[in-house]
Amino acid sequence: MNLDFKSDKDKLYVKIEGELDLSVATSFRATLEEKIDVNQARHLILDFSQVSFIDSSGLGVILGRYKRLKEIGGTVQIIGVNEQIEKILELSGLSRIMDIRKQADKVFRGTSY
């Protein structure tokens, strides 16, 4: 899994590449927490356009960040999801509490990964 970050005011954009599973969940959680704190982010935008797989541990990390940010009036948005990931997000119930979009923003245009 590779991560690329961009912050803008109280927003933290995260471009994720690879799989979000048990093998990376702990480091993914720690890295997100650190970046949220350092950037004082209230809104987290996760770009899933390069995510090939997510399991329950990856979903748990996202849900935990959602709960944390919701407590301070923030949000979590997932963008760039493919059909398989969209179905997993629907089945997990995350699509009922978060904004999920198939289209990815152009936040990372011109950025190298």
PDB file of N, CA and C in Angstrom:
ATOM      1  N   MET A   1       0.845  -1.176   0.000  1.00  0.00           N
ATOM      2  CA  MET A   1       0.000   0.000   0.000  1.00  0.00           C
ATOM      3  C   MET A   1       0.892   1.242   0.000  1.00  0.00           C
ATOM      4  N   ASN A   2       0.566   2.182  -0.849  1.00  0.00           N
ATOM      5  CA  ASN A   2       1.238   3.477  -0.903  1.00  0.00           C
ATOM      6  C   ASN A   2       0.216   4.563  -0.615  1.00  0.00           C
ATOM      7  N   LEU A   3       0.653   5.600   0.094  1.00  0.00           N
ATOM      8  CA  LEU A   3      -0.212   6.722   0.435  1.00  0.00           C
ATOM      9  C   LEU A   3       0.431   8.017  -0.023  1.00  0.00           C
ATOM     10  N   ASP A   4      -0.390   8.924  -0.515  1.00  0.00           N
ATOM     11  CA  ASP A   4       0.060  10.264  -0.865  1.00  0.00           C
ATOM     12  C   ASP A   4      -0.915  11.228  -0.211  1.00  0.00           C
ATOM     13  N   PHE A   5      -0.387  12.274   0.409  1.00  0.00           N
ATOM     14  CA  PHE A   5      -1.209  13.204   1.172  1.00  0.00           C
ATOM     15  C   PHE A   5      -1.121  14.602   0.598  1.00  0.00           C
ATOM     16  N   LYS A   6      -2.231  15.299   0.722  1.00  0.00           N
ATOM     17  CA  LYS A   6      -2.274  16.719   0.377  1.00  0.00           C
ATOM     18  C   LYS A   6      -3.259  17.363   1.348  1.00  0.00           C
ATOM     19  N   SER A   7      -2.870  18.486   1.912  1.00  0.00           N
ATOM     20  CA  SER A   7      -3.781  19.165   2.833  1.00  0.00           C
ATOM     21  C   SER A   7      -4.131  20.538   2.278  1.00  0.00           C
ATOM     22  N   ASP A   8      -5.327  20.977   2.612  1.00  0.00           N
ATOM     23  CA  ASP A   8      -5.822  22.280   2.190  1.00  0.00           C
ATOM     24  C   ASP A   8      -6.768  22.778   3.276  1.00  0.00           C
ATOM     25  N   LYS A   9      -6.294  23.744   4.038  1.00  0.00           N
ATOM     26  CA  LYS A   9      -7.053  24.292   5.170  1.00  0.00           C
ATOM     27  C   LYS A   9      -7.373  23.163   6.142  1.00  0.00           C
ATOM     28  N   ASP A  10      -8.651  22.857   6.351  1.00  0.00           N
ATOM     29  CA  ASP A  10      -9.011  21.804   7.305  1.00  0.00           C
ATOM     30  C   ASP A  10      -9.329  20.469   6.624  1.00  0.00           C
ATOM     31  N   LYS A  11      -8.888  20.326   5.363  1.00  0.00           N
ATOM     32  CA  LYS A  11      -9.132  19.091   4.605  1.00  0.00           C
ATOM     33  C   LYS A  11      -7.827  18.329   4.420  1.00  0.00           C
ATOM     34  N   LEU A  12      -7.912  17.018   4.552  1.00  0.00           N
ATOM     35  CA  LEU A  12      -6.775  16.146   4.285  1.00  0.00           C
ATOM     36  C   LEU A  12      -7.195  15.166   3.194  1.00  0.00           C
ATOM     37  N   TYR A  13      -6.496  15.240   2.055  1.00  0.00           N
ATOM     38  CA  TYR A  13      -6.734  14.339   0.933  1.00  0.00           C
ATOM     39  C   TYR A  13      -5.717  13.208   1.002  1.00  0.00           C
ATOM     40  N   VAL A  14      -6.200  11.984   0.836  1.00  0.00           N
ATOM     41  CA  VAL A  14      -5.305  10.824   0.880  1.00  0.00           C
ATOM     42  C   VAL A  14      -5.542   9.964  -0.354  1.00  0.00           C
ATOM     43  N   LYS A  15      -4.531   9.847  -1.180  1.00  0.00           N
ATOM     44  CA  LYS A  15      -4.585   8.959  -2.353  1.00  0.00           C
ATOM     45  C   LYS A  15      -3.991   7.632  -1.907  1.00  0.00           C
ATOM     46  N   ILE A  16      -4.774   6.572  -2.030  1.00  0.00           N
ATOM     47  CA  ILE A  16      -4.365   5.243  -1.572  1.00  0.00           C
ATOM     48  C   ILE A  16      -4.151   4.362  -2.785  1.00  0.00           C
ATOM     49  N   GLU A  17      -3.056   3.626  -2.763  1.00  0.00           N
ATOM     50  CA  GLU A  17      -2.751   2.705  -3.849  1.00  0.00           C
ATOM     51  C   GLU A  17      -2.476   1.327  -3.262  1.00  0.00           C
ATOM     52  N   GLY A  18      -3.204   0.320  -3.744  1.00  0.00           N
ATOM     53  CA  GLY A  18      -2.983  -1.044  -3.284  1.00  0.00           C
ATOM     54  C   GLY A  18      -4.166  -1.607  -2.523  1.00  0.00           C
ATOM     55  N   GLU A  19      -3.873  -2.489  -1.574  1.00  0.00           N
ATOM     56  CA  GLU A  19      -4.903  -3.171  -0.797  1.00  0.00           C
ATOM     57  C   GLU A  19      -4.958  -2.641   0.622  1.00  0.00           C
ATOM     58  N   LEU A  20      -6.176  -2.481   1.131  1.00  0.00           N
ATOM     59  CA  LEU A  20      -6.389  -2.101   2.524  1.00  0.00           C
ATOM     60  C   LEU A  20      -6.886  -3.338   3.259  1.00  0.00           C
ATOM     61  N   ASP A  21      -5.964  -4.069   3.842  1.00  0.00           N
ATOM     62  CA  ASP A  21      -6.330  -5.300   4.522  1.00  0.00           C
ATOM     63  C   ASP A  21      -5.625  -5.395   5.862  1.00  0.00           C
ATOM     64  N   LEU A  22      -5.757  -6.540   6.509  1.00  0.00           N
ATOM     65  CA  LEU A  22      -5.202  -6.753   7.838  1.00  0.00           C
ATOM     66  C   LEU A  22      -3.706  -6.473   7.897  1.00  0.00           C
ATOM     67  N   SER A  23      -2.988  -6.783   6.840  1.00  0.00           N
ATOM     68  CA  SER A  23      -1.536  -6.621   6.853  1.00  0.00           C
ATOM     69  C   SER A  23      -1.080  -5.162   6.910  1.00  0.00           C
ATOM     70  N   VAL A  24      -1.945  -4.216   6.532  1.00  0.00           N
ATOM     71  CA  VAL A  24      -1.565  -2.799   6.537  1.00  0.00           C
ATOM     72  C   VAL A  24      -2.448  -1.949   7.451  1.00  0.00           C
ATOM     73  N   ALA A  25      -3.455  -2.549   8.068  1.00  0.00           N
ATOM     74  CA  ALA A  25      -4.428  -1.775   8.840  1.00  0.00           C
ATOM     75  C   ALA A  25      -3.793  -0.984   9.976  1.00  0.00           C
ATOM     76  N   THR A  26      -2.874  -1.577  10.712  1.00  0.00           N
ATOM     77  CA  THR A  26      -2.265  -0.886  11.850  1.00  0.00           C
ATOM     78  C   THR A  26      -1.450   0.317  11.394  1.00  0.00           C
ATOM     79  N   SER A  27      -0.632   0.141  10.365  1.00  0.00           N
ATOM     80  CA  SER A  27       0.175   1.263   9.887  1.00  0.00           C
ATOM     81  C   SER A  27      -0.702   2.316   9.211  1.00  0.00           C
ATOM     82  N   PHE A  28      -1.738   1.886   8.495  1.00  0.00           N
ATOM     83  CA  PHE A  28      -2.666   2.815   7.860  1.00  0.00           C
ATOM     84  C   PHE A  28      -3.340   3.685   8.921  1.00  0.00           C
ATOM     85  N   ARG A  29      -3.813   3.054  10.001  1.00  0.00           N
ATOM     86  CA  ARG A  29      -4.474   3.781  11.094  1.00  0.00           C
ATOM     87  C   ARG A  29      -3.502   4.794  11.716  1.00  0.00           C
ATOM     88  N   ALA A  30      -2.303   4.354  12.033  1.00  0.00           N
ATOM     89  CA  ALA A  30      -1.325   5.232  12.679  1.00  0.00           C
ATOM     90  C   ALA A  30      -0.955   6.418  11.785  1.00  0.00           C
ATOM     91  N   THR A  31      -0.757   6.150  10.512  1.00  0.00           N
ATOM     92  CA  THR A  31      -0.388   7.213   9.578  1.00  0.00           C
ATOM     93  C   THR A  31      -1.527   8.223   9.429  1.00  0.00           C
ATOM     94  N   LEU A  32      -2.761   7.733   9.299  1.00  0.00           N
ATOM     95  CA  LEU A  32      -3.904   8.653   9.198  1.00  0.00           C
ATOM     96  C   LEU A  32      -4.027   9.510  10.449  1.00  0.00           C
ATOM     97  N   GLU A  33      -3.904   8.894  11.615  1.00  0.00           N
ATOM     98  CA  GLU A  33      -4.015   9.632  12.870  1.00  0.00           C
ATOM     99  C   GLU A  33      -2.961  10.735  12.943  1.00  0.00           C
ATOM    100  N   GLU A  34      -1.732  10.390  12.596  1.00  0.00           N
ATOM    101  CA  GLU A  34      -0.645  11.370  12.632  1.00  0.00           C
ATOM    102  C   GLU A  34      -0.920  12.528  11.681  1.00  0.00           C
ATOM    103  N   LYS A  35      -1.322  12.215  10.452  1.00  0.00           N
ATOM    104  CA  LYS A  35      -1.571  13.271   9.458  1.00  0.00           C
ATOM    105  C   LYS A  35      -2.773  14.136   9.828  1.00  0.00           C
ATOM    106  N   ILE A  36      -3.801  13.525  10.382  1.00  0.00           N
ATOM    107  CA  ILE A  36      -4.973  14.293  10.831  1.00  0.00           C
ATOM    108  C   ILE A  36      -4.550  15.265  11.923  1.00  0.00           C
ATOM    109  N   ASP A  37      -3.747  14.784  12.880  1.00  0.00           N
ATOM    110  CA  ASP A  37      -3.290  15.635  13.978  1.00  0.00           C
ATOM    111  C   ASP A  37      -2.392  16.760  13.479  1.00  0.00           C
ATOM    112  N   VAL A  38      -1.378  16.425  12.696  1.00  0.00           N
ATOM    113  CA  VAL A  38      -0.407  17.413  12.216  1.00  0.00           C
ATOM    114  C   VAL A  38      -1.085  18.501  11.392  1.00  0.00           C
ATOM    115  N   ASN A  39      -2.029  18.091  10.552  1.00  0.00           N
ATOM    116  CA  ASN A  39      -2.710  19.041   9.658  1.00  0.00           C
ATOM    117  C   ASN A  39      -3.965  19.652  10.265  1.00  0.00           C
ATOM    118  N   GLN A  40      -4.295  19.255  11.482  1.00  0.00           N
ATOM    119  CA  GLN A  40      -5.513  19.710  12.157  1.00  0.00           C
ATOM    120  C   GLN A  40      -6.729  19.579  11.240  1.00  0.00           C
ATOM    121  N   ALA A  41      -6.814  18.437  10.595  1.00  0.00           N
ATOM    122  CA  ALA A  41      -7.879  18.188   9.616  1.00  0.00           C
ATOM    123  C   ALA A  41      -9.195  17.875  10.308  1.00  0.00           C
ATOM    124  N   ARG A  42     -10.263  18.412   9.737  1.00  0.00           N
ATOM    125  CA  ARG A  42     -11.628  18.082  10.164  1.00  0.00           C
ATOM    126  C   ARG A  42     -12.356  17.271   9.108  1.00  0.00           C
ATOM    127  N   HIS A  43     -11.846  17.333   7.874  1.00  0.00           N
ATOM    128  CA  HIS A  43     -12.476  16.627   6.772  1.00  0.00           C
ATOM    129  C   HIS A  43     -11.430  15.743   6.101  1.00  0.00           C
ATOM    130  N   LEU A  44     -11.770  14.474   5.950  1.00  0.00           N
ATOM    131  CA  LEU A  44     -10.868  13.487   5.361  1.00  0.00           C
ATOM    132  C   LEU A  44     -11.463  13.018   4.046  1.00  0.00           C
ATOM    133  N   ILE A  45     -10.701  13.143   2.975  1.00  0.00           N
ATOM    134  CA  ILE A  45     -11.137  12.699   1.653  1.00  0.00           C
ATOM    135  C   ILE A  45     -10.196  11.585   1.217  1.00  0.00           C
ATOM    136  N   LEU A  46     -10.735  10.388   1.069  1.00  0.00           N
ATOM    137  CA  LEU A  46      -9.955   9.211   0.701  1.00  0.00           C
ATOM    138  C   LEU A  46     -10.175   8.897  -0.769  1.00  0.00           C
ATOM    139  N   ASP A  47      -9.122   8.960  -1.554  1.00  0.00           N
ATOM    140  CA  ASP A  47      -9.199   8.654  -2.981  1.00  0.00           C
ATOM    141  C   ASP A  47      -8.895   7.174  -3.172  1.00  0.00           C
ATOM    142  N   PHE A  48      -9.915   6.423  -3.544  1.00  0.00           N
ATOM    143  CA  PHE A  48      -9.830   4.967  -3.709  1.00  0.00           C
ATOM    144  C   PHE A  48      -9.620   4.563  -5.169  1.00  0.00           C
ATOM    145  N   SER A  49      -9.287   5.486  -6.046  1.00  0.00           N
ATOM    146  CA  SER A  49      -9.195   5.144  -7.463  1.00  0.00           C
ATOM    147  C   SER A  49      -8.106   4.107  -7.757  1.00  0.00           C
ATOM    148  N   GLN A  50      -7.154   3.935  -6.837  1.00  0.00           N
ATOM    149  CA  GLN A  50      -6.097   2.941  -7.015  1.00  0.00           C
ATOM    150  C   GLN A  50      -6.173   1.818  -5.978  1.00  0.00           C
ATOM    151  N   VAL A  51      -7.304   1.717  -5.263  1.00  0.00           N
ATOM    152  CA  VAL A  51      -7.483   0.648  -4.268  1.00  0.00           C
ATOM    153  C   VAL A  51      -8.059  -0.573  -4.972  1.00  0.00           C
ATOM    154  N   SER A  52      -7.374  -1.696  -4.812  1.00  0.00           N
ATOM    155  CA  SER A  52      -7.809  -2.923  -5.480  1.00  0.00           C
ATOM    156  C   SER A  52      -8.617  -3.846  -4.574  1.00  0.00           C
ATOM    157  N   PHE A  53      -8.515  -3.654  -3.240  1.00  0.00           N
ATOM    158  CA  PHE A  53      -9.196  -4.554  -2.311  1.00  0.00           C
ATOM    159  C   PHE A  53      -9.279  -3.885  -0.945  1.00  0.00           C
ATOM    160  N   ILE A  54     -10.371  -4.152  -0.228  1.00  0.00           N
ATOM    161  CA  ILE A  54     -10.504  -3.715   1.162  1.00  0.00           C
ATOM    162  C   ILE A  54     -11.216  -4.806   1.933  1.00  0.00           C
ATOM    163  N   ASP A  55     -10.741  -5.074   3.159  1.00  0.00           N
ATOM    164  CA  ASP A  55     -11.409  -6.068   4.001  1.00  0.00           C
ATOM    165  C   ASP A  55     -11.936  -5.372   5.261  1.00  0.00           C
ATOM    166  N   SER A  56     -12.434  -6.162   6.205  1.00  0.00           N
ATOM    167  CA  SER A  56     -13.069  -5.597   7.390  1.00  0.00           C
ATOM    168  C   SER A  56     -12.103  -4.778   8.245  1.00  0.00           C
ATOM    169  N   SER A  57     -10.830  -5.130   8.253  1.00  0.00           N
ATOM    170  CA  SER A  57      -9.878  -4.339   9.042  1.00  0.00           C
ATOM    171  C   SER A  57      -9.673  -2.960   8.406  1.00  0.00           C
ATOM    172  N   GLY A  58      -9.629  -2.882   7.089  1.00  0.00           N
ATOM    173  CA  GLY A  58      -9.548  -1.593   6.400  1.00  0.00           C
ATOM    174  C   GLY A  58     -10.803  -0.764   6.627  1.00  0.00           C
ATOM    175  N   LEU A  59     -11.959  -1.422   6.574  1.00  0.00           N
ATOM    176  CA  LEU A  59     -13.224  -0.734   6.847  1.00  0.00           C
ATOM    177  C   LEU A  59     -13.243  -0.200   8.269  1.00  0.00           C
ATOM    178  N   GLY A  60     -12.692  -0.985   9.201  1.00  0.00           N
ATOM    179  CA  GLY A  60     -12.640  -0.564  10.603  1.00  0.00           C
ATOM    180  C   GLY A  60     -11.809   0.684  10.804  1.00  0.00           C
ATOM    181  N   VAL A  61     -10.690   0.782  10.108  1.00  0.00           N
ATOM    182  CA  VAL A  61      -9.842   1.977  10.198  1.00  0.00           C
ATOM    183  C   VAL A  61     -10.621   3.197   9.718  1.00  0.00           C
ATOM    184  N   ILE A  62     -11.309   3.052   8.608  1.00  0.00           N
ATOM    185  CA  ILE A  62     -12.081   4.173   8.055  1.00  0.00           C
ATOM    186  C   ILE A  62     -13.211   4.565   9.004  1.00  0.00           C
ATOM    187  N   LEU A  63     -13.915   3.587   9.543  1.00  0.00           N
ATOM    188  CA  LEU A  63     -15.010   3.865  10.475  1.00  0.00           C
ATOM    189  C   LEU A  63     -14.496   4.573  11.727  1.00  0.00           C
ATOM    190  N   GLY A  64     -13.344   4.167  12.207  1.00  0.00           N
ATOM    191  CA  GLY A  64     -12.767   4.818  13.377  1.00  0.00           C
ATOM    192  C   GLY A  64     -12.440   6.281  13.125  1.00  0.00           C
ATOM    193  N   ARG A  65     -11.903   6.607  11.943  1.00  0.00           N
ATOM    194  CA  ARG A  65     -11.598   7.995  11.608  1.00  0.00           C
ATOM    195  C   ARG A  65     -12.892   8.779  11.427  1.00  0.00           C
ATOM    196  N   TYR A  66     -13.924   8.126  10.876  1.00  0.00           N
ATOM    197  CA  TYR A  66     -15.230   8.769  10.726  1.00  0.00           C
ATOM    198  C   TYR A  66     -15.769   9.178  12.102  1.00  0.00           C
ATOM    199  N   LYS A  67     -15.727   8.259  13.057  1.00  0.00           N
ATOM    200  CA  LYS A  67     -16.248   8.558  14.400  1.00  0.00           C
ATOM    201  C   LYS A  67     -15.469   9.691  15.049  1.00  0.00           C
ATOM    202  N   ARG A  68     -14.156   9.642  14.900  1.00  0.00           N
ATOM    203  CA  ARG A  68     -13.326  10.696  15.485  1.00  0.00           C
ATOM    204  C   ARG A  68     -13.650  12.065  14.895  1.00  0.00           C
ATOM    205  N   LEU A  69     -13.722  12.149  13.571  1.00  0.00           N
ATOM    206  CA  LEU A  69     -13.965  13.435  12.921  1.00  0.00           C
ATOM    207  C   LEU A  69     -15.399  13.912  13.110  1.00  0.00           C
ATOM    208  N   LYS A  70     -16.335  12.988  13.182  1.00  0.00           N
ATOM    209  CA  LYS A  70     -17.738  13.374  13.390  1.00  0.00           C
ATOM    210  C   LYS A  70     -17.912  14.066  14.741  1.00  0.00           C
ATOM    211  N   GLU A  71     -17.159  13.629  15.741  1.00  0.00           N
ATOM    212  CA  GLU A  71     -17.241  14.228  17.076  1.00  0.00           C
ATOM    213  C   GLU A  71     -16.876  15.716  17.067  1.00  0.00           C
ATOM    214  N   ILE A  72     -16.049  16.130  16.112  1.00  0.00           N
ATOM    215  CA  ILE A  72     -15.647  17.539  16.041  1.00  0.00           C
ATOM    216  C   ILE A  72     -16.313  18.260  14.866  1.00  0.00           C
ATOM    217  N   GLY A  73     -17.375  17.664  14.336  1.00  0.00           N
ATOM    218  CA  GLY A  73     -18.127  18.285  13.253  1.00  0.00           C
ATOM    219  C   GLY A  73     -17.525  18.066  11.880  1.00  0.00           C
ATOM    220  N   GLY A  74     -16.632  17.098  11.758  1.00  0.00           N
ATOM    221  CA  GLY A  74     -15.976  16.815  10.489  1.00  0.00           C
ATOM    222  C   GLY A  74     -16.677  15.734   9.686  1.00  0.00           C
ATOM    223  N   THR A  75     -16.052  15.374   8.566  1.00  0.00           N
ATOM    224  CA  THR A  75     -16.626  14.390   7.661  1.00  0.00           C
ATOM    225  C   THR A  75     -15.544  13.490   7.085  1.00  0.00           C
ATOM    226  N   VAL A  76     -15.980  12.366   6.553  1.00  0.00           N
ATOM    227  CA  VAL A  76     -15.128  11.485   5.754  1.00  0.00           C
ATOM    228  C   VAL A  76     -15.841  11.255   4.433  1.00  0.00           C
ATOM    229  N   GLN A  77     -15.105  11.398   3.362  1.00  0.00           N
ATOM    230  CA  GLN A  77     -15.644  11.178   2.017  1.00  0.00           C
ATOM    231  C   GLN A  77     -14.717  10.184   1.309  1.00  0.00           C
ATOM    232  N   ILE A  78     -15.314   9.253   0.587  1.00  0.00           N
ATOM    233  CA  ILE A  78     -14.533   8.296  -0.199  1.00  0.00           C
ATOM    234  C   ILE A  78     -14.874   8.534  -1.665  1.00  0.00           C
ATOM    235  N   ILE A  79     -13.831   8.761  -2.469  1.00  0.00           N
ATOM    236  CA  ILE A  79     -14.036   9.078  -3.882  1.00  0.00           C
ATOM    237  C   ILE A  79     -13.284   8.082  -4.761  1.00  0.00           C
ATOM    238  N   GLY A  80     -13.703   7.979  -6.004  1.00  0.00           N
ATOM    239  CA  GLY A  80     -12.996   7.142  -6.972  1.00  0.00           C
ATOM    240  C   GLY A  80     -13.167   5.647  -6.764  1.00  0.00           C
ATOM    241  N   VAL A  81     -14.306   5.233  -6.232  1.00  0.00           N
ATOM    242  CA  VAL A  81     -14.495   3.801  -5.959  1.00  0.00           C
ATOM    243  C   VAL A  81     -14.905   3.054  -7.228  1.00  0.00           C
ATOM    244  N   ASN A  82     -14.387   1.827  -7.365  1.00  0.00           N
ATOM    245  CA  ASN A  82     -14.819   0.971  -8.463  1.00  0.00           C
ATOM    246  C   ASN A  82     -16.057   0.189  -8.011  1.00  0.00           C
ATOM    247  N   GLU A  83     -16.632  -0.591  -8.895  1.00  0.00           N
ATOM    248  CA  GLU A  83     -17.883  -1.293  -8.576  1.00  0.00           C
ATOM    249  C   GLU A  83     -17.721  -2.285  -7.433  1.00  0.00           C
ATOM    250  N   GLN A  84     -16.607  -2.997  -7.407  1.00  0.00           N
ATOM    251  CA  GLN A  84     -16.372  -3.987  -6.344  1.00  0.00           C
ATOM    252  C   GLN A  84     -16.271  -3.307  -4.980  1.00  0.00           C
ATOM    253  N   ILE A  85     -15.493  -2.249  -4.899  1.00  0.00           N
ATOM    254  CA  ILE A  85     -15.328  -1.516  -3.637  1.00  0.00           C
ATOM    255  C   ILE A  85     -16.652  -0.862  -3.233  1.00  0.00           C
ATOM    256  N   GLU A  86     -17.369  -0.329  -4.205  1.00  0.00           N
ATOM    257  CA  GLU A  86     -18.665   0.286  -3.913  1.00  0.00           C
ATOM    258  C   GLU A  86     -19.615  -0.721  -3.276  1.00  0.00           C
ATOM    259  N   LYS A  87     -19.627  -1.925  -3.782  1.00  0.00           N
ATOM    260  CA  LYS A  87     -20.498  -2.969  -3.230  1.00  0.00           C
ATOM    261  C   LYS A  87     -20.104  -3.299  -1.786  1.00  0.00           C
ATOM    262  N   ILE A  88     -18.798  -3.396  -1.523  1.00  0.00           N
ATOM    263  CA  ILE A  88     -18.324  -3.679  -0.167  1.00  0.00           C
ATOM    264  C   ILE A  88     -18.736  -2.546   0.782  1.00  0.00           C
ATOM    265  N   LEU A  89     -18.595  -1.309   0.338  1.00  0.00           N
ATOM    266  CA  LEU A  89     -18.984  -0.165   1.165  1.00  0.00           C
ATOM    267  C   LEU A  89     -20.487  -0.157   1.427  1.00  0.00           C
ATOM    268  N   GLU A  90     -21.276  -0.562   0.448  1.00  0.00           N
ATOM    269  CA  GLU A  90     -22.725  -0.658   0.634  1.00  0.00           C
ATOM    270  C   GLU A  90     -23.071  -1.754   1.632  1.00  0.00           C
ATOM    271  N   LEU A  91     -22.474  -2.936   1.458  1.00  0.00           N
ATOM    272  CA  LEU A  91     -22.758  -4.064   2.350  1.00  0.00           C
ATOM    273  C   LEU A  91     -22.326  -3.780   3.785  1.00  0.00           C
ATOM    274  N   SER A  92     -21.253  -3.028   3.949  1.00  0.00           N
ATOM    275  CA  SER A  92     -20.745  -2.718   5.287  1.00  0.00           C
ATOM    276  C   SER A  92     -21.588  -1.646   5.984  1.00  0.00           C
ATOM    277  N   GLY A  93     -22.361  -0.900   5.219  1.00  0.00           N
ATOM    278  CA  GLY A  93     -23.164   0.180   5.776  1.00  0.00           C
ATOM    279  C   GLY A  93     -22.465   1.533   5.757  1.00  0.00           C
ATOM    280  N   LEU A  94     -21.195   1.569   5.368  1.00  0.00           N
ATOM    281  CA  LEU A  94     -20.476   2.847   5.343  1.00  0.00           C
ATOM    282  C   LEU A  94     -21.085   3.827   4.347  1.00  0.00           C
ATOM    283  N   SER A  95     -21.675   3.307   3.279  1.00  0.00           N
ATOM    284  CA  SER A  95     -22.265   4.204   2.276  1.00  0.00           C
ATOM    285  C   SER A  95     -23.489   4.941   2.817  1.00  0.00           C
ATOM    286  N   ARG A  96     -24.037   4.477   3.929  1.00  0.00           N
ATOM    287  CA  ARG A  96     -25.190   5.169   4.528  1.00  0.00           C
ATOM    288  C   ARG A  96     -24.761   6.333   5.415  1.00  0.00           C
ATOM    289  N   ILE A  97     -23.508   6.331   5.864  1.00  0.00           N
ATOM    290  CA  ILE A  97     -23.069   7.389   6.780  1.00  0.00           C
ATOM    291  C   ILE A  97     -21.996   8.299   6.182  1.00  0.00           C
ATOM    292  N   MET A  98     -21.427   7.904   5.042  1.00  0.00           N
ATOM    293  CA  MET A  98     -20.376   8.695   4.401  1.00  0.00           C
ATOM    294  C   MET A  98     -20.759   8.992   2.966  1.00  0.00           C
ATOM    295  N   ASP A  99     -20.174  10.062   2.447  1.00  0.00           N
ATOM    296  CA  ASP A  99     -20.350  10.421   1.047  1.00  0.00           C
ATOM    297  C   ASP A  99     -19.404   9.555   0.219  1.00  0.00           C
ATOM    298  N   ILE A 100     -19.962   8.722  -0.656  1.00  0.00           N
ATOM    299  CA  ILE A 100     -19.179   7.824  -1.512  1.00  0.00           C
ATOM    300  C   ILE A 100     -19.418   8.251  -2.954  1.00  0.00           C
ATOM    301  N   ARG A 101     -18.329   8.463  -3.695  1.00  0.00           N
ATOM    302  CA  ARG A 101     -18.454   8.885  -5.092  1.00  0.00           C
ATOM    303  C   ARG A 101     -17.589   8.033  -5.994  1.00  0.00           C
ATOM    304  N   LYS A 102     -18.128   7.719  -7.154  1.00  0.00           N
ATOM    305  CA  LYS A 102     -17.352   6.967  -8.148  1.00  0.00           C
ATOM    306  C   LYS A 102     -16.280   7.834  -8.786  1.00  0.00           C
ATOM    307  N   GLN A 103     -16.577   9.097  -8.962  1.00  0.00           N
ATOM    308  CA  GLN A 103     -15.647  10.014  -9.624  1.00  0.00           C
ATOM    309  C   GLN A 103     -14.620  10.524  -8.625  1.00  0.00           C
ATOM    310  N   ALA A 104     -13.345  10.467  -9.000  1.00  0.00           N
ATOM    311  CA  ALA A 104     -12.277  11.021  -8.164  1.00  0.00           C
ATOM    312  C   ALA A 104     -12.060  12.477  -8.524  1.00  0.00           C
ATOM    313  N   ASP A 105     -11.747  13.274  -7.525  1.00  0.00           N
ATOM    314  CA  ASP A 105     -11.403  14.679  -7.762  1.00  0.00           C
ATOM    315  C   ASP A 105     -10.036  14.754  -8.431  1.00  0.00           C
ATOM    316  N   LYS A 106      -9.699  15.924  -8.917  1.00  0.00           N
ATOM    317  CA  LYS A 106      -8.405  16.137  -9.580  1.00  0.00           C
ATOM    318  C   LYS A 106      -7.381  16.745  -8.623  1.00  0.00           C
ATOM    319  N   VAL A 107      -7.516  16.455  -7.356  1.00  0.00           N
ATOM    320  CA  VAL A 107      -6.648  17.030  -6.332  1.00  0.00           C
ATOM    321  C   VAL A 107      -5.187  16.691  -6.576  1.00  0.00           C
ATOM    322  N   PHE A 108      -4.921  15.501  -7.060  1.00  0.00           N
ATOM    323  CA  PHE A 108      -3.552  15.031  -7.190  1.00  0.00           C
ATOM    324  C   PHE A 108      -2.971  15.203  -8.588  1.00  0.00           C
ATOM    325  N   ARG A 109      -3.623  15.919  -9.446  1.00  0.00           N
ATOM    326  CA  ARG A 109      -3.103  16.128 -10.799  1.00  0.00           C
ATOM    327  C   ARG A 109      -1.722  16.775 -10.720  1.00  0.00           C
ATOM    328  N   GLY A 110      -0.780  16.182 -11.434  1.00  0.00           N
ATOM    329  CA  GLY A 110       0.566  16.719 -11.460  1.00  0.00           C
ATOM    330  C   GLY A 110       1.442  16.257 -10.311  1.00  0.00           C
ATOM    331  N   THR A 111       0.910  15.453  -9.421  1.00  0.00           N
ATOM    332  CA  THR A 111       1.679  14.945  -8.288  1.00  0.00           C
ATOM    333  C   THR A 111       2.216  13.574  -8.636  1.00  0.00           C
ATOM    334  N   SER A 112       3.448  13.319  -8.285  1.00  0.00           N
ATOM    335  CA  SER A 112       3.999  11.988  -8.539  1.00  0.00           C
ATOM    336  C   SER A 112       3.779  11.102  -7.322  1.00  0.00           C
ATOM    337  N   TYR A 113       3.632   9.845  -7.586  1.00  0.00           N
ATOM    338  CA  TYR A 113       3.389   8.902  -6.498  1.00  0.00           C
ATOM    339  C   TYR A 113       4.624   8.092  -6.305  1.00  0.00           C
TER     340      TYR A 113
END
